[in-house]
Amino acid sequence: MSRNYGETWVYESLVGGIPGLGLSRRLAVAIQFLLFQAGVVVLGWHYELWDAVVAGTVAVVVAAIGSVEMHRLGAANRRLSTPPEHKRLLFGSSIEIVLGVLAFIALITYLIAWDGTLLTRLFGSNPPIPAVYLTLLILWDLTYRIGTSWWSAVVALWRAVNVDLDPEEAARVRRIDAENIGFSVLQLALVPFLLEEPVLLGAVVGHVLAVAIVCTAAIALS
């Protein structure tokens, strides 16, 4: 299975590209989860922000499962016998990180310029800097995975329209697209913490619906 540059997500390239490290996928995800979760618990205990610990724990779990799904979807797509154009579009363009950056900037704009009540509810009127730093890091992790799910759905529809597959391969890509829907549905675990934030709630639910619609179209056309 090829893991050459341009045939991996940016996330996979970072994990696999650190000289001398050679982390397995499971170990990389485990380290990510443990570091983030330890930070959430330690800072929550130190600053007595227990409501933020609950929300942060859910976000860390969603991000960790998202990392597992990125590895799974990446490996499954690399095993396909689709033409190089498909893999170059999916991985080599790095558009998933562009979409993640745009989503993250939109989120920060909302929190700073539109409505900062979410941060106030979690951290109080004088948010501690270390807690905010860790929160933004985790939020970036989440928005990057949202961008990946978006781009996977768009490329899946392109593949369904432009690439002819044999019945066995078509069944495989339908399973991949269905898993991407599940990948996006995972974000709904954040909904209980967004019930007082209608804009963010609409953005998360809208994201899930958009991915489901596009992936369903790709499944139907494959």
Protein backbone atom coordinates (compact mmCIF):
# COMPACT_ATOMS: atom_id res chain seq x y z
CA MET A 1 0.00 0.00 0.00
CA SER A 2 1.53 3.25 -1.11
CA ARG A 3 2.26 5.89 1.49
CA ASN A 4 4.29 8.21 -0.75
CA TYR A 5 4.16 11.98 -0.42
CA GLY A 6 1.01 13.22 -2.10
CA GLU A 7 -0.86 10.01 -1.29
CA THR A 8 -1.61 10.76 2.34
CA TRP A 9 -3.58 13.32 4.32
CA VAL A 10 -1.46 16.15 5.70
CA TYR A 11 -2.15 14.71 9.16
CA GLU A 12 -0.74 11.32 8.13
CA SER A 13 2.31 12.96 6.55
CA LEU A 14 3.05 14.82 9.79
CA VAL A 15 2.70 11.69 11.92
CA GLY A 16 4.79 9.56 9.58
CA GLY A 17 7.32 12.20 8.56
CA ILE A 18 9.05 12.92 11.88
CA PRO A 19 12.59 11.49 11.50
CA GLY A 20 13.39 8.59 13.80
CA LEU A 21 9.95 8.51 15.39
CA GLY A 22 8.16 5.82 13.38
CA LEU A 23 4.94 5.85 15.40
CA SER A 24 2.26 3.31 14.56
CA ARG A 25 -1.19 4.65 13.84
CA ARG A 26 -2.60 3.33 17.12
CA LEU A 27 0.26 4.77 19.15
CA ALA A 28 0.00 8.16 17.44
CA VAL A 29 -3.72 8.37 18.20
CA ALA A 30 -3.18 7.14 21.77
CA ILE A 31 -0.52 9.79 22.39
CA GLN A 32 -2.78 12.47 20.89
CA PHE A 33 -5.67 11.43 23.14
CA LEU A 34 -3.59 11.15 26.31
CA LEU A 35 -1.85 14.50 25.85
CA PHE A 36 -5.04 16.38 25.08
CA GLN A 37 -7.05 14.68 27.80
CA ALA A 38 -4.33 15.18 30.40
CA GLY A 39 -4.23 18.86 29.48
CA VAL A 40 -8.01 19.18 29.78
CA VAL A 41 -8.13 17.48 33.19
CA VAL A 42 -5.07 19.22 34.67
CA LEU A 43 -6.14 22.70 33.55
CA GLY A 44 -9.74 22.05 34.56
CA TRP A 45 -8.60 20.98 38.03
CA HIS A 46 -6.15 23.85 38.41
CA TYR A 47 -8.64 26.54 37.38
CA GLU A 48 -11.73 24.71 38.73
CA LEU A 49 -13.41 24.67 35.31
CA TRP A 50 -15.29 21.40 35.59
CA ASP A 51 -17.96 22.29 33.02
CA ALA A 52 -15.15 22.90 30.55
CA VAL A 53 -13.62 19.51 31.45
CA VAL A 54 -16.80 17.71 30.37
CA ALA A 55 -17.03 19.59 27.07
CA GLY A 56 -13.28 19.25 26.49
CA THR A 57 -13.35 15.52 27.12
CA VAL A 58 -16.08 15.00 24.54
CA ALA A 59 -14.16 17.15 22.04
CA VAL A 60 -10.94 15.18 22.67
CA VAL A 61 -12.75 11.86 22.20
CA VAL A 62 -14.34 13.09 18.96
CA ALA A 63 -10.95 14.30 17.70
CA ALA A 64 -9.27 10.99 18.58
CA ILE A 65 -11.94 8.91 16.86
CA GLY A 66 -11.67 11.32 13.94
CA SER A 67 -7.95 10.55 13.74
CA VAL A 68 -8.71 6.83 13.61
CA GLU A 69 -11.25 7.45 10.85
CA MET A 70 -8.78 9.54 8.85
CA HIS A 71 -6.32 6.66 8.93
CA ARG A 72 -9.04 4.19 7.94
CA LEU A 73 -10.40 6.30 5.10
CA GLY A 74 -6.93 7.14 3.86
CA ALA A 75 -5.84 3.50 3.79
CA ALA A 76 -9.10 2.36 2.16
CA ASN A 77 -8.82 4.97 -0.60
CA ARG A 78 -5.19 4.08 -1.28
CA ARG A 79 -6.17 0.44 -1.78
CA LEU A 80 -8.59 1.35 -4.56
CA SER A 81 -7.54 0.77 -8.17
CA THR A 82 -8.84 4.20 -9.14
CA PRO A 83 -6.68 6.30 -11.51
CA PRO A 84 -3.88 8.50 -10.15
CA GLU A 85 -6.06 11.58 -10.71
CA HIS A 86 -8.42 10.39 -7.96
CA LYS A 87 -5.71 9.97 -5.32
CA ARG A 88 -3.93 13.14 -6.41
CA LEU A 89 -7.18 15.08 -6.04
CA LEU A 90 -8.02 13.48 -2.70
CA PHE A 91 -4.60 13.62 -1.05
CA GLY A 92 -2.11 15.61 -3.15
CA SER A 93 -4.17 18.79 -3.38
CA SER A 94 -4.17 19.22 0.44
CA ILE A 95 -7.50 20.99 0.06
CA GLU A 96 -8.76 19.31 3.22
CA ILE A 97 -6.40 21.49 5.24
CA VAL A 98 -7.52 24.62 3.38
CA LEU A 99 -11.14 23.81 4.22
CA GLY A 100 -10.12 23.12 7.82
CA VAL A 101 -8.36 26.50 8.05
CA LEU A 102 -11.41 28.28 6.63
CA ALA A 103 -13.69 26.53 9.13
CA PHE A 104 -11.32 27.37 12.00
CA ILE A 105 -11.09 31.04 11.01
CA ALA A 106 -14.88 31.20 10.75
CA LEU A 107 -15.15 29.71 14.25
CA ILE A 108 -12.62 32.15 15.73
CA THR A 109 -14.36 35.05 14.01
CA TYR A 110 -17.64 33.95 15.57
CA LEU A 111 -16.12 33.63 19.05
CA ILE A 112 -14.29 36.97 18.91
CA ALA A 113 -16.41 39.28 16.79
CA TRP A 114 -19.92 37.84 16.87
CA ASP A 115 -20.71 36.05 20.11
CA GLY A 116 -18.20 35.12 22.79
CA THR A 117 -20.71 33.69 25.26
CA LEU A 118 -19.51 30.12 24.67
CA LEU A 119 -16.06 30.95 26.05
CA THR A 120 -17.63 32.86 28.93
CA ARG A 121 -19.87 29.91 29.82
CA LEU A 122 -16.91 27.53 29.79
CA PHE A 123 -14.19 29.69 31.34
CA GLY A 124 -15.89 32.63 33.05
CA SER A 125 -15.44 36.32 32.39
CA ASN A 126 -11.64 36.16 32.68
CA PRO A 127 -10.59 33.03 30.74
CA PRO A 128 -7.18 31.60 31.76
CA ILE A 129 -4.73 31.79 28.86
CA PRO A 130 -3.47 28.15 29.05
CA ALA A 131 -7.03 26.83 28.97
CA VAL A 132 -7.93 29.01 25.98
CA TYR A 133 -4.75 27.94 24.17
CA LEU A 134 -5.54 24.24 24.65
CA THR A 135 -9.17 24.83 23.65
CA LEU A 136 -8.15 26.47 20.38
CA LEU A 137 -5.73 23.63 19.67
CA ILE A 138 -8.48 21.06 20.15
CA LEU A 139 -10.92 23.13 18.08
CA TRP A 140 -8.37 23.25 15.26
CA ASP A 141 -8.12 19.47 15.44
CA LEU A 142 -11.90 19.23 15.09
CA THR A 143 -12.22 21.73 12.26
CA TYR A 144 -9.42 20.04 10.32
CA ARG A 145 -11.32 16.77 10.50
CA ILE A 146 -14.47 18.54 9.37
CA GLY A 147 -12.54 19.88 6.37
CA THR A 148 -11.31 16.37 5.59
CA SER A 149 -14.83 14.99 5.70
CA TRP A 150 -16.07 17.76 3.39
CA TRP A 151 -13.31 17.18 0.86
CA SER A 152 -13.71 13.39 0.98
CA ALA A 153 -17.38 13.82 0.13
CA VAL A 154 -16.69 16.17 -2.79
CA VAL A 155 -14.00 13.88 -4.24
CA ALA A 156 -16.30 10.87 -3.76
CA LEU A 157 -18.90 12.56 -5.94
CA TRP A 158 -16.24 13.42 -8.54
CA ARG A 159 -15.09 9.79 -8.52
CA ALA A 160 -18.65 8.50 -8.88
CA VAL A 161 -19.22 10.70 -11.94
CA ASN A 162 -15.83 10.30 -13.65
CA VAL A 163 -14.47 6.85 -12.76
CA ASP A 164 -15.92 3.54 -13.93
CA LEU A 165 -15.46 0.73 -11.44
CA ASP A 166 -16.15 -2.98 -11.55
CA PRO A 167 -18.96 -4.25 -9.28
CA GLU A 168 -16.60 -5.42 -6.51
CA GLU A 169 -14.72 -2.12 -6.41
CA ALA A 170 -17.99 -0.17 -6.59
CA ALA A 171 -19.17 -2.00 -3.48
CA ARG A 172 -15.95 -1.02 -1.72
CA VAL A 173 -16.27 2.68 -2.55
CA ARG A 174 -19.87 2.66 -1.37
CA ARG A 175 -18.67 1.34 1.99
CA ILE A 176 -15.99 4.05 2.11
CA ASP A 177 -18.56 6.76 1.38
CA ALA A 178 -20.92 5.36 4.01
CA GLU A 179 -18.07 5.43 6.52
CA ASN A 180 -17.43 9.07 5.67
CA ILE A 181 -21.04 9.80 6.56
CA GLY A 182 -20.41 8.13 9.90
CA PHE A 183 -17.20 10.17 10.22
CA SER A 184 -19.23 13.38 9.94
CA VAL A 185 -22.08 12.13 12.17
CA LEU A 186 -19.47 11.75 14.90
CA GLN A 187 -19.43 15.56 15.18
CA LEU A 188 -23.01 15.47 16.52
CA ALA A 189 -21.58 14.44 19.89
CA LEU A 190 -20.81 18.15 20.29
CA VAL A 191 -24.46 19.18 19.91
CA PRO A 192 -25.37 19.09 23.65
CA PHE A 193 -22.78 21.82 24.27
CA LEU A 194 -24.07 24.01 21.43
CA LEU A 195 -27.76 24.19 22.30
CA GLU A 196 -27.32 27.80 23.45
CA GLU A 197 -25.24 28.63 20.36
CA PRO A 198 -27.68 28.47 17.41
CA VAL A 199 -25.11 29.57 14.83
CA LEU A 200 -22.57 26.92 15.81
CA LEU A 201 -25.34 24.34 16.20
CA GLY A 202 -26.58 25.10 12.69
CA ALA A 203 -23.04 24.91 11.32
CA VAL A 204 -22.37 21.47 12.83
CA VAL A 205 -25.73 20.01 11.84
CA GLY A 206 -25.50 21.61 8.39
CA HIS A 207 -22.04 20.09 7.92
CA VAL A 208 -23.34 16.62 8.74
CA LEU A 209 -26.32 16.99 6.42
CA ALA A 210 -24.16 18.31 3.58
CA VAL A 211 -21.71 15.41 3.82
CA ALA A 212 -24.56 12.91 4.06
CA ILE A 213 -26.29 14.34 0.97
CA VAL A 214 -23.13 14.45 -1.17
CA CYS A 215 -21.94 11.01 -0.07
CA THR A 216 -25.39 9.52 -0.62
CA ALA A 217 -25.35 10.92 -4.15
CA ALA A 218 -21.91 9.37 -4.68
CA ILE A 219 -23.16 6.02 -3.38
CA ALA A 220 -26.18 6.14 -5.69
CA LEU A 221 -23.99 6.92 -8.73
CA SER A 222 -21.24 4.39 -8.00
